[in-house]
Amino acid sequence: MTCNLNRLLQNQIKMRNIYCIAIMTLVLLGASSCASNKKMIYLQGAEELYKNPSEINRNYNLVIQADDQLAIYVNSSDKELIQPFNNLTLIGQGESVRQNGNNLDKTSYFVVNKDGYVDFPVFGRLKAAGKTVSEFSKEVQQRMIDENLITDATVTTKIMSFKVTILGDVKNPGTQTCSGERLTLLEAIGRAGDLNNSAIRQSVLIVREENNERVTYTVDLTSPESVFNSPAYYLKQNDVIYVQSNRSVKIKGSSGYLYWSLFGTGVGLITSITSLVFAITK
């Protein structure tokens, strides 16, 4: 009778231990899953920014570079005076065709040569590289007024070759063309269809050419401060964005990507639990 009672108590203790181990396993697996999910969430803590609002940096004016294609528009109340400056035959630099609804818009453009100059009608060679489009437009406009060519001239310049390239672990890598002058890093990622689950969000690389040098910036997409305070938040023409891949990933299933690291963690836990169970039930 005493032996049966002792055996029953031992079995109860063993079952309780197995139950505790099972609970611990679920907790550990849940913790691993939470840690992995946290690495995938953009702008963590951004909901707290309203407590300490910061001024929005709107310094996204594009600086003209060599090989840029510039559309330069001259306007005036006297259409005859602007004819030499807007004549496609005189410009002879190039022509860009864009789809606008059901119509095709043709826009003439000037190519900035390797020395940073454009050949502009009447004025000849004009220095463009290193200036913002606004600065260049004002200089051309002021010269027309000062030389009494067009006293009410207005000049608008637009970079027609504003494009960026996004490579690496994104859904739709490739080159993107921007019709305006403002394109953010987050917008470019959105245009690329977002990052894949396997992408490393903590170290997105941006390669930029400026002042005849190639510079790089690294942005942590999970950190609002890293994203919004980065000099690369507003992209510039010819920027290259590279998203690294987590090399521990790459089993593609019907519902998405499975992580080898999580798989290894699960196998390790199951092995440990099995060993403990065998040890307890001996």
C-alpha atoms as a PDB file:
ATOM      1  CA  MET A   1       0.000   0.000   0.000  1.00  0.00           C
ATOM      2  CA  THR A   2       2.808   2.362   0.967  1.00  0.00           C
ATOM      3  CA  CYS A   3       4.729   1.498  -2.221  1.00  0.00           C
ATOM      4  CA  ASN A   4       1.688   2.262  -4.389  1.00  0.00           C
ATOM      5  CA  LEU A   5       1.190   5.588  -2.629  1.00  0.00           C
ATOM      6  CA  ASN A   6       4.834   6.574  -3.132  1.00  0.00           C
ATOM      7  CA  ARG A   7       4.672   5.597  -6.789  1.00  0.00           C
ATOM      8  CA  LEU A   8       1.519   7.667  -7.246  1.00  0.00           C
ATOM      9  CA  LEU A   9       3.166  10.709  -5.637  1.00  0.00           C
ATOM     10  CA  GLN A  10       6.238  10.307  -7.836  1.00  0.00           C
ATOM     11  CA  ASN A  11       4.092  10.142 -10.949  1.00  0.00           C
ATOM     12  CA  GLN A  12       2.248  13.297  -9.909  1.00  0.00           C
ATOM     13  CA  ILE A  13       5.531  15.108  -9.350  1.00  0.00           C
ATOM     14  CA  LYS A  14       6.800  13.980 -12.751  1.00  0.00           C
ATOM     15  CA  MET A  15       3.632  15.169 -14.470  1.00  0.00           C
ATOM     16  CA  ARG A  16       3.837  18.499 -12.681  1.00  0.00           C
ATOM     17  CA  ASN A  17       7.449  18.929 -13.820  1.00  0.00           C
ATOM     18  CA  ILE A  18       6.529  18.081 -17.397  1.00  0.00           C
ATOM     19  CA  TYR A  19       3.681  20.611 -17.234  1.00  0.00           C
ATOM     20  CA  CYS A  20       6.049  23.314 -15.942  1.00  0.00           C
ATOM     21  CA  ILE A  21       8.555  22.560 -18.696  1.00  0.00           C
ATOM     22  CA  ALA A  22       5.827  22.793 -21.334  1.00  0.00           C
ATOM     23  CA  ILE A  23       4.749  26.195 -19.984  1.00  0.00           C
ATOM     24  CA  MET A  24       8.369  27.416 -20.026  1.00  0.00           C
ATOM     25  CA  THR A  25       8.735  26.238 -23.623  1.00  0.00           C
ATOM     26  CA  LEU A  26       5.689  28.201 -24.744  1.00  0.00           C
ATOM     27  CA  VAL A  27       6.988  31.300 -22.955  1.00  0.00           C
ATOM     28  CA  LEU A  28      10.410  31.024 -24.597  1.00  0.00           C
ATOM     29  CA  LEU A  29       8.941  30.470 -28.043  1.00  0.00           C
ATOM     30  CA  GLY A  30       6.637  33.457 -27.543  1.00  0.00           C
ATOM     31  CA  ALA A  31       9.561  35.611 -26.451  1.00  0.00           C
ATOM     32  CA  SER A  32      11.543  34.614 -29.547  1.00  0.00           C
ATOM     33  CA  SER A  33       8.586  35.455 -31.769  1.00  0.00           C
ATOM     34  CA  CYS A  34       8.104  38.854 -30.093  1.00  0.00           C
ATOM     35  CA  ALA A  35      11.790  39.668 -30.474  1.00  0.00           C
ATOM     36  CA  SER A  36      11.650  38.847 -34.181  1.00  0.00           C
ATOM     37  CA  ASN A  37       8.467  40.885 -34.709  1.00  0.00           C
ATOM     38  CA  LYS A  38      10.009  43.876 -32.951  1.00  0.00           C
ATOM     39  CA  LYS A  39      12.822  43.939 -35.505  1.00  0.00           C
ATOM     40  CA  MET A  40      10.246  44.311 -38.304  1.00  0.00           C
ATOM     41  CA  ILE A  41       8.190  47.249 -36.971  1.00  0.00           C
ATOM     42  CA  TYR A  42       8.920  50.634 -38.529  1.00  0.00           C
ATOM     43  CA  LEU A  43       9.317  53.868 -36.513  1.00  0.00           C
ATOM     44  CA  GLN A  44       8.939  52.272 -33.086  1.00  0.00           C
ATOM     45  CA  GLY A  45       7.821  54.809 -30.491  1.00  0.00           C
ATOM     46  CA  ALA A  46       6.754  57.338 -33.127  1.00  0.00           C
ATOM     47  CA  GLU A  47       3.412  57.706 -31.350  1.00  0.00           C
ATOM     48  CA  GLU A  48       5.306  59.530 -28.567  1.00  0.00           C
ATOM     49  CA  LEU A  49       6.710  62.206 -30.866  1.00  0.00           C
ATOM     50  CA  TYR A  50       3.725  64.476 -30.213  1.00  0.00           C
ATOM     51  CA  LYS A  51       5.052  65.038 -26.684  1.00  0.00           C
ATOM     52  CA  ASN A  52       8.248  66.591 -28.061  1.00  0.00           C
ATOM     53  CA  PRO A  53       7.418  67.846 -31.562  1.00  0.00           C
ATOM     54  CA  SER A  54      10.356  68.848 -33.719  1.00  0.00           C
ATOM     55  CA  GLU A  55      10.447  71.256 -36.631  1.00  0.00           C
ATOM     56  CA  ILE A  56      10.134  69.579 -40.010  1.00  0.00           C
ATOM     57  CA  ASN A  57      13.282  69.960 -42.079  1.00  0.00           C
ATOM     58  CA  ARG A  58      12.172  71.008 -45.544  1.00  0.00           C
ATOM     59  CA  ASN A  59      15.660  71.264 -46.991  1.00  0.00           C
ATOM     60  CA  TYR A  60      14.960  69.058 -49.976  1.00  0.00           C
ATOM     61  CA  ASN A  61      15.905  71.482 -52.743  1.00  0.00           C
ATOM     62  CA  LEU A  62      17.709  69.522 -55.427  1.00  0.00           C
ATOM     63  CA  VAL A  63      21.196  70.643 -56.404  1.00  0.00           C
ATOM     64  CA  ILE A  64      21.996  70.461 -60.107  1.00  0.00           C
ATOM     65  CA  GLN A  65      24.669  67.940 -61.034  1.00  0.00           C
ATOM     66  CA  ALA A  66      26.615  66.995 -64.141  1.00  0.00           C
ATOM     67  CA  ASP A  67      24.574  64.884 -66.600  1.00  0.00           C
ATOM     68  CA  ASP A  68      21.287  66.245 -65.245  1.00  0.00           C
ATOM     69  CA  GLN A  69      18.583  67.020 -67.772  1.00  0.00           C
ATOM     70  CA  LEU A  70      17.075  70.464 -67.158  1.00  0.00           C
ATOM     71  CA  ALA A  71      13.793  71.772 -68.499  1.00  0.00           C
ATOM     72  CA  ILE A  72      14.094  75.572 -68.513  1.00  0.00           C
ATOM     73  CA  TYR A  73      10.909  77.542 -69.156  1.00  0.00           C
ATOM     74  CA  VAL A  74      10.933  81.275 -69.899  1.00  0.00           C
ATOM     75  CA  ASN A  75       7.681  83.207 -69.698  1.00  0.00           C
ATOM     76  CA  SER A  76       6.628  86.780 -70.355  1.00  0.00           C
ATOM     77  CA  SER A  77       3.628  88.822 -71.363  1.00  0.00           C
ATOM     78  CA  ASP A  78       5.355  89.345 -74.727  1.00  0.00           C
ATOM     79  CA  LYS A  79       5.394  85.919 -76.388  1.00  0.00           C
ATOM     80  CA  GLU A  80       7.680  87.104 -79.203  1.00  0.00           C
ATOM     81  CA  LEU A  81      10.464  88.001 -76.769  1.00  0.00           C
ATOM     82  CA  ILE A  82      10.564  84.534 -75.239  1.00  0.00           C
ATOM     83  CA  GLN A  83      10.566  82.756 -78.606  1.00  0.00           C
ATOM     84  CA  PRO A  84      14.386  82.515 -78.915  1.00  0.00           C
ATOM     85  CA  PHE A  85      14.643  80.968 -75.460  1.00  0.00           C
ATOM     86  CA  ASN A  86      11.873  78.424 -75.853  1.00  0.00           C
ATOM     87  CA  ASN A  87      12.408  77.487 -79.494  1.00  0.00           C
ATOM     88  CA  LEU A  88      12.935  73.728 -79.751  1.00  0.00           C
ATOM     89  CA  THR A  89      14.989  74.129 -82.919  1.00  0.00           C
ATOM     90  CA  LEU A  90      17.428  76.526 -81.283  1.00  0.00           C
ATOM     91  CA  ILE A  91      17.718  74.452 -78.138  1.00  0.00           C
ATOM     92  CA  GLY A  92      18.632  71.267 -79.909  1.00  0.00           C
ATOM     93  CA  GLN A  93      19.665  69.536 -76.705  1.00  0.00           C
ATOM     94  CA  GLY A  94      17.157  66.753 -76.352  1.00  0.00           C
ATOM     95  CA  GLU A  95      13.526  65.950 -75.968  1.00  0.00           C
ATOM     96  CA  SER A  96      11.640  64.056 -73.288  1.00  0.00           C
ATOM     97  CA  VAL A  97       8.260  62.451 -73.916  1.00  0.00           C
ATOM     98  CA  ARG A  98       5.946  61.702 -70.992  1.00  0.00           C
ATOM     99  CA  GLN A  99       2.498  60.178 -70.750  1.00  0.00           C
ATOM    100  CA  ASN A 100      -0.055  62.628 -69.366  1.00  0.00           C
ATOM    101  CA  GLY A 101      -3.446  60.948 -69.286  1.00  0.00           C
ATOM    102  CA  ASN A 102      -4.261  60.154 -72.904  1.00  0.00           C
ATOM    103  CA  ASN A 103      -1.835  62.761 -74.243  1.00  0.00           C
ATOM    104  CA  LEU A 104       1.908  62.787 -74.804  1.00  0.00           C
ATOM    105  CA  ASP A 105       3.731  65.853 -73.456  1.00  0.00           C
ATOM    106  CA  LYS A 106       6.968  66.803 -75.179  1.00  0.00           C
ATOM    107  CA  THR A 107       9.422  68.796 -73.103  1.00  0.00           C
ATOM    108  CA  SER A 108      12.755  70.112 -74.342  1.00  0.00           C
ATOM    109  CA  TYR A 109      15.667  69.815 -71.963  1.00  0.00           C
ATOM    110  CA  PHE A 110      19.269  70.921 -71.587  1.00  0.00           C
ATOM    111  CA  VAL A 111      21.968  68.442 -70.621  1.00  0.00           C
ATOM    112  CA  VAL A 112      24.459  69.617 -68.000  1.00  0.00           C
ATOM    113  CA  ASN A 113      27.909  68.691 -69.306  1.00  0.00           C
ATOM    114  CA  LYS A 114      30.659  67.121 -67.214  1.00  0.00           C
ATOM    115  CA  ASP A 115      32.034  70.580 -66.384  1.00  0.00           C
ATOM    116  CA  GLY A 116      28.662  71.668 -65.012  1.00  0.00           C
ATOM    117  CA  TYR A 117      27.566  73.977 -67.847  1.00  0.00           C
ATOM    118  CA  VAL A 118      24.550  74.147 -70.146  1.00  0.00           C
ATOM    119  CA  ASP A 119      24.456  75.786 -73.572  1.00  0.00           C
ATOM    120  CA  PHE A 120      21.570  78.238 -73.306  1.00  0.00           C
ATOM    121  CA  PRO A 121      20.154  80.239 -76.253  1.00  0.00           C
ATOM    122  CA  VAL A 122      21.392  83.836 -76.542  1.00  0.00           C
ATOM    123  CA  PHE A 123      23.520  83.591 -73.370  1.00  0.00           C
ATOM    124  CA  GLY A 124      25.680  80.669 -74.417  1.00  0.00           C
ATOM    125  CA  ARG A 125      27.405  78.647 -71.662  1.00  0.00           C
ATOM    126  CA  LEU A 126      25.840  79.003 -68.218  1.00  0.00           C
ATOM    127  CA  LYS A 127      27.144  77.441 -65.013  1.00  0.00           C
ATOM    128  CA  ALA A 128      24.433  75.221 -63.536  1.00  0.00           C
ATOM    129  CA  ALA A 129      26.042  72.476 -61.435  1.00  0.00           C
ATOM    130  CA  GLY A 130      26.241  73.150 -57.715  1.00  0.00           C
ATOM    131  CA  LYS A 131      23.199  75.434 -57.715  1.00  0.00           C
ATOM    132  CA  THR A 132      19.649  74.634 -56.728  1.00  0.00           C
ATOM    133  CA  VAL A 133      17.030  74.873 -59.463  1.00  0.00           C
ATOM    134  CA  SER A 134      15.653  77.951 -57.730  1.00  0.00           C
ATOM    135  CA  GLU A 135      19.050  79.671 -57.636  1.00  0.00           C
ATOM    136  CA  PHE A 136      19.726  78.901 -61.287  1.00  0.00           C
ATOM    137  CA  SER A 137      16.288  80.155 -62.356  1.00  0.00           C
ATOM    138  CA  LYS A 138      16.743  83.435 -60.476  1.00  0.00           C
ATOM    139  CA  GLU A 139      20.178  84.023 -62.032  1.00  0.00           C
ATOM    140  CA  VAL A 140      18.888  83.492 -65.580  1.00  0.00           C
ATOM    141  CA  GLN A 141      15.812  85.600 -64.895  1.00  0.00           C
ATOM    142  CA  GLN A 142      17.847  88.460 -63.416  1.00  0.00           C
ATOM    143  CA  ARG A 143      20.247  88.465 -66.351  1.00  0.00           C
ATOM    144  CA  MET A 144      17.348  88.796 -68.810  1.00  0.00           C
ATOM    145  CA  ILE A 145      16.067  91.778 -66.858  1.00  0.00           C
ATOM    146  CA  ASP A 146      19.494  93.404 -66.363  1.00  0.00           C
ATOM    147  CA  GLU A 147      20.332  93.118 -70.078  1.00  0.00           C
ATOM    148  CA  ASN A 148      16.909  94.526 -70.929  1.00  0.00           C
ATOM    149  CA  LEU A 149      16.015  91.460 -72.979  1.00  0.00           C
ATOM    150  CA  ILE A 150      12.788  90.629 -71.150  1.00  0.00           C
ATOM    151  CA  THR A 151      11.921  93.044 -68.357  1.00  0.00           C
ATOM    152  CA  ASP A 152       9.069  90.955 -66.972  1.00  0.00           C
ATOM    153  CA  ALA A 153      10.716  87.567 -67.443  1.00  0.00           C
ATOM    154  CA  THR A 154       9.938  84.621 -65.198  1.00  0.00           C
ATOM    155  CA  VAL A 155      12.140  81.541 -65.406  1.00  0.00           C
ATOM    156  CA  THR A 156      11.342  78.084 -64.088  1.00  0.00           C
ATOM    157  CA  THR A 157      13.798  75.189 -64.034  1.00  0.00           C
ATOM    158  CA  LYS A 158      12.995  71.558 -63.433  1.00  0.00           C
ATOM    159  CA  ILE A 159      15.257  68.527 -63.229  1.00  0.00           C
ATOM    160  CA  MET A 160      13.834  65.960 -65.634  1.00  0.00           C
ATOM    161  CA  SER A 161      16.279  63.227 -64.646  1.00  0.00           C
ATOM    162  CA  PHE A 162      15.339  62.903 -60.951  1.00  0.00           C
ATOM    163  CA  LYS A 163      15.557  59.186 -60.364  1.00  0.00           C
ATOM    164  CA  VAL A 164      16.657  56.883 -57.565  1.00  0.00           C
ATOM    165  CA  THR A 165      17.464  53.180 -57.514  1.00  0.00           C
ATOM    166  CA  ILE A 166      16.471  50.727 -54.779  1.00  0.00           C
ATOM    167  CA  LEU A 167      18.163  47.339 -54.602  1.00  0.00           C
ATOM    168  CA  GLY A 168      18.303  44.367 -52.305  1.00  0.00           C
ATOM    169  CA  ASP A 169      15.625  42.709 -50.222  1.00  0.00           C
ATOM    170  CA  VAL A 170      12.546  44.616 -51.418  1.00  0.00           C
ATOM    171  CA  LYS A 171       9.511  43.357 -53.280  1.00  0.00           C
ATOM    172  CA  ASN A 172      10.086  45.397 -56.452  1.00  0.00           C
ATOM    173  CA  PRO A 173      13.714  46.513 -56.842  1.00  0.00           C
ATOM    174  CA  GLY A 174      14.577  48.866 -59.667  1.00  0.00           C
ATOM    175  CA  THR A 175      14.884  52.504 -60.713  1.00  0.00           C
ATOM    176  CA  GLN A 176      12.161  55.010 -59.831  1.00  0.00           C
ATOM    177  CA  THR A 177      11.528  58.304 -61.617  1.00  0.00           C
ATOM    178  CA  CYS A 178      10.127  61.236 -59.651  1.00  0.00           C
ATOM    179  CA  SER A 179       8.159  63.998 -61.370  1.00  0.00           C
ATOM    180  CA  GLY A 180       8.603  66.484 -58.506  1.00  0.00           C
ATOM    181  CA  GLU A 181      11.528  67.590 -56.373  1.00  0.00           C
ATOM    182  CA  ARG A 182      10.541  65.850 -53.145  1.00  0.00           C
ATOM    183  CA  LEU A 183      10.949  62.134 -52.544  1.00  0.00           C
ATOM    184  CA  THR A 184      11.551  60.646 -49.101  1.00  0.00           C
ATOM    185  CA  LEU A 185      13.214  57.383 -48.184  1.00  0.00           C
ATOM    186  CA  LEU A 186       9.925  55.979 -46.894  1.00  0.00           C
ATOM    187  CA  GLU A 187       8.140  56.959 -50.106  1.00  0.00           C
ATOM    188  CA  ALA A 188      10.776  55.191 -52.204  1.00  0.00           C
ATOM    189  CA  ILE A 189      10.408  52.046 -50.082  1.00  0.00           C
ATOM    190  CA  GLY A 190       6.645  52.267 -50.507  1.00  0.00           C
ATOM    191  CA  ARG A 191       7.031  52.577 -54.273  1.00  0.00           C
ATOM    192  CA  ALA A 192       9.155  49.430 -54.202  1.00  0.00           C
ATOM    193  CA  GLY A 193       6.312  47.515 -52.568  1.00  0.00           C
ATOM    194  CA  ASP A 194       7.884  47.587 -49.083  1.00  0.00           C
ATOM    195  CA  LEU A 195      10.694  45.459 -47.691  1.00  0.00           C
ATOM    196  CA  ASN A 196      10.455  41.682 -47.598  1.00  0.00           C
ATOM    197  CA  ASN A 197      10.089  39.990 -44.223  1.00  0.00           C
ATOM    198  CA  SER A 198      13.679  38.827 -44.531  1.00  0.00           C
ATOM    199  CA  ALA A 199      15.081  42.371 -44.907  1.00  0.00           C
ATOM    200  CA  ILE A 200      17.277  43.916 -42.221  1.00  0.00           C
ATOM    201  CA  ARG A 201      15.506  47.130 -41.272  1.00  0.00           C
ATOM    202  CA  GLN A 202      18.165  48.359 -38.868  1.00  0.00           C
ATOM    203  CA  SER A 203      20.839  49.181 -41.464  1.00  0.00           C
ATOM    204  CA  VAL A 204      19.450  50.464 -44.765  1.00  0.00           C
ATOM    205  CA  LEU A 205      22.278  51.933 -46.837  1.00  0.00           C
ATOM    206  CA  ILE A 206      21.955  55.056 -49.019  1.00  0.00           C
ATOM    207  CA  VAL A 207      24.765  55.847 -51.472  1.00  0.00           C
ATOM    208  CA  ARG A 208      24.893  59.443 -52.737  1.00  0.00           C
ATOM    209  CA  GLU A 209      27.103  61.449 -55.081  1.00  0.00           C
ATOM    210  CA  GLU A 210      27.637  65.038 -53.998  1.00  0.00           C
ATOM    211  CA  ASN A 211      30.441  67.565 -54.384  1.00  0.00           C
ATOM    212  CA  ASN A 212      32.285  65.133 -56.654  1.00  0.00           C
ATOM    213  CA  GLU A 213      32.403  62.584 -53.850  1.00  0.00           C
ATOM    214  CA  ARG A 214      30.540  59.398 -53.055  1.00  0.00           C
ATOM    215  CA  VAL A 215      29.115  59.369 -49.529  1.00  0.00           C
ATOM    216  CA  THR A 216      27.036  56.790 -47.669  1.00  0.00           C
ATOM    217  CA  TYR A 217      24.397  57.006 -44.970  1.00  0.00           C
ATOM    218  CA  THR A 218      22.925  54.236 -42.827  1.00  0.00           C
ATOM    219  CA  VAL A 219      19.343  54.477 -41.563  1.00  0.00           C
ATOM    220  CA  ASP A 220      17.566  52.359 -38.941  1.00  0.00           C
ATOM    221  CA  LEU A 221      13.953  52.166 -40.103  1.00  0.00           C
ATOM    222  CA  THR A 222      12.793  51.014 -36.669  1.00  0.00           C
ATOM    223  CA  SER A 223      13.968  54.298 -35.102  1.00  0.00           C
ATOM    224  CA  PRO A 224      12.025  57.523 -35.798  1.00  0.00           C
ATOM    225  CA  GLU A 225      15.068  59.610 -34.855  1.00  0.00           C
ATOM    226  CA  SER A 226      17.331  57.733 -37.256  1.00  0.00           C
ATOM    227  CA  VAL A 227      14.823  58.086 -40.108  1.00  0.00           C
ATOM    228  CA  PHE A 228      13.633  61.681 -39.752  1.00  0.00           C
ATOM    229  CA  ASN A 229      16.990  63.185 -38.724  1.00  0.00           C
ATOM    230  CA  SER A 230      18.999  61.500 -41.454  1.00  0.00           C
ATOM    231  CA  PRO A 231      20.465  63.671 -44.245  1.00  0.00           C
ATOM    232  CA  ALA A 232      19.236  60.914 -46.559  1.00  0.00           C
ATOM    233  CA  TYR A 233      15.576  61.158 -45.499  1.00  0.00           C
ATOM    234  CA  TYR A 234      14.956  63.452 -48.471  1.00  0.00           C
ATOM    235  CA  LEU A 235      16.432  61.644 -51.451  1.00  0.00           C
ATOM    236  CA  LYS A 236      18.409  63.312 -54.217  1.00  0.00           C
ATOM    237  CA  GLN A 237      18.810  62.437 -57.866  1.00  0.00           C
ATOM    238  CA  ASN A 238      20.822  59.273 -58.553  1.00  0.00           C
ATOM    239  CA  ASP A 239      20.665  58.053 -54.934  1.00  0.00           C
ATOM    240  CA  VAL A 240      21.028  54.294 -54.532  1.00  0.00           C
ATOM    241  CA  ILE A 241      19.215  52.546 -51.670  1.00  0.00           C
ATOM    242  CA  TYR A 242      20.436  49.104 -50.671  1.00  0.00           C
ATOM    243  CA  VAL A 243      18.508  46.856 -48.279  1.00  0.00           C
ATOM    244  CA  GLN A 244      20.454  43.949 -46.815  1.00  0.00           C
ATOM    245  CA  SER A 245      18.922  40.514 -46.353  1.00  0.00           C
ATOM    246  CA  ASN A 246      19.043  38.393 -43.238  1.00  0.00           C
ATOM    247  CA  ARG A 247      21.043  35.441 -44.493  1.00  0.00           C
ATOM    248  CA  SER A 248      19.455  33.147 -41.902  1.00  0.00           C
ATOM    249  CA  VAL A 249      16.219  33.404 -43.863  1.00  0.00           C
ATOM    250  CA  LYS A 250      15.204  31.850 -47.100  1.00  0.00           C
ATOM    251  CA  ILE A 251      12.719  29.060 -46.854  1.00  0.00           C
ATOM    252  CA  LYS A 252       9.742  30.285 -48.797  1.00  0.00           C
ATOM    253  CA  GLY A 253       6.444  28.688 -47.811  1.00  0.00           C
ATOM    254  CA  SER A 254       2.875  29.213 -48.917  1.00  0.00           C
ATOM    255  CA  SER A 255       2.221  31.779 -46.194  1.00  0.00           C
ATOM    256  CA  GLY A 256       5.501  33.672 -46.334  1.00  0.00           C
ATOM    257  CA  TYR A 257       9.045  33.265 -45.116  1.00  0.00           C
ATOM    258  CA  LEU A 258      10.189  30.932 -42.371  1.00  0.00           C
ATOM    259  CA  TYR A 259      13.264  31.786 -40.389  1.00  0.00           C
ATOM    260  CA  TRP A 260      16.058  29.271 -39.994  1.00  0.00           C
ATOM    261  CA  SER A 261      17.063  31.004 -36.785  1.00  0.00           C
ATOM    262  CA  LEU A 262      13.625  30.451 -35.253  1.00  0.00           C
ATOM    263  CA  PHE A 263      13.578  26.921 -36.584  1.00  0.00           C
ATOM    264  CA  GLY A 264      16.936  26.241 -34.939  1.00  0.00           C
ATOM    265  CA  THR A 265      15.718  27.768 -31.691  1.00  0.00           C
ATOM    266  CA  GLY A 266      12.611  25.608 -31.739  1.00  0.00           C
ATOM    267  CA  VAL A 267      14.581  22.444 -32.470  1.00  0.00           C
ATOM    268  CA  GLY A 268      16.994  23.241 -29.655  1.00  0.00           C
ATOM    269  CA  LEU A 269      14.170  23.793 -27.179  1.00  0.00           C
ATOM    270  CA  ILE A 270      12.357  20.630 -28.208  1.00  0.00           C
ATOM    271  CA  THR A 271      15.573  18.608 -27.864  1.00  0.00           C
ATOM    272  CA  SER A 272      16.203  20.012 -24.399  1.00  0.00           C
ATOM    273  CA  ILE A 273      12.636  19.337 -23.293  1.00  0.00           C
ATOM    274  CA  THR A 274      12.749  15.774 -24.613  1.00  0.00           C
ATOM    275  CA  SER A 275      15.958  15.127 -22.703  1.00  0.00           C
ATOM    276  CA  LEU A 276      14.448  16.529 -19.520  1.00  0.00           C
ATOM    277  CA  VAL A 277      11.295  14.485 -19.918  1.00  0.00           C
ATOM    278  CA  PHE A 278      13.291  11.292 -20.350  1.00  0.00           C
ATOM    279  CA  ALA A 279      15.398  12.162 -17.338  1.00  0.00           C
ATOM    280  CA  ILE A 280      12.340  12.856 -15.201  1.00  0.00           C
ATOM    281  CA  THR A 281      10.377   9.775 -16.245  1.00  0.00           C
ATOM    282  CA  LYS A 282      13.200   7.316 -15.671  1.00  0.00           C
END
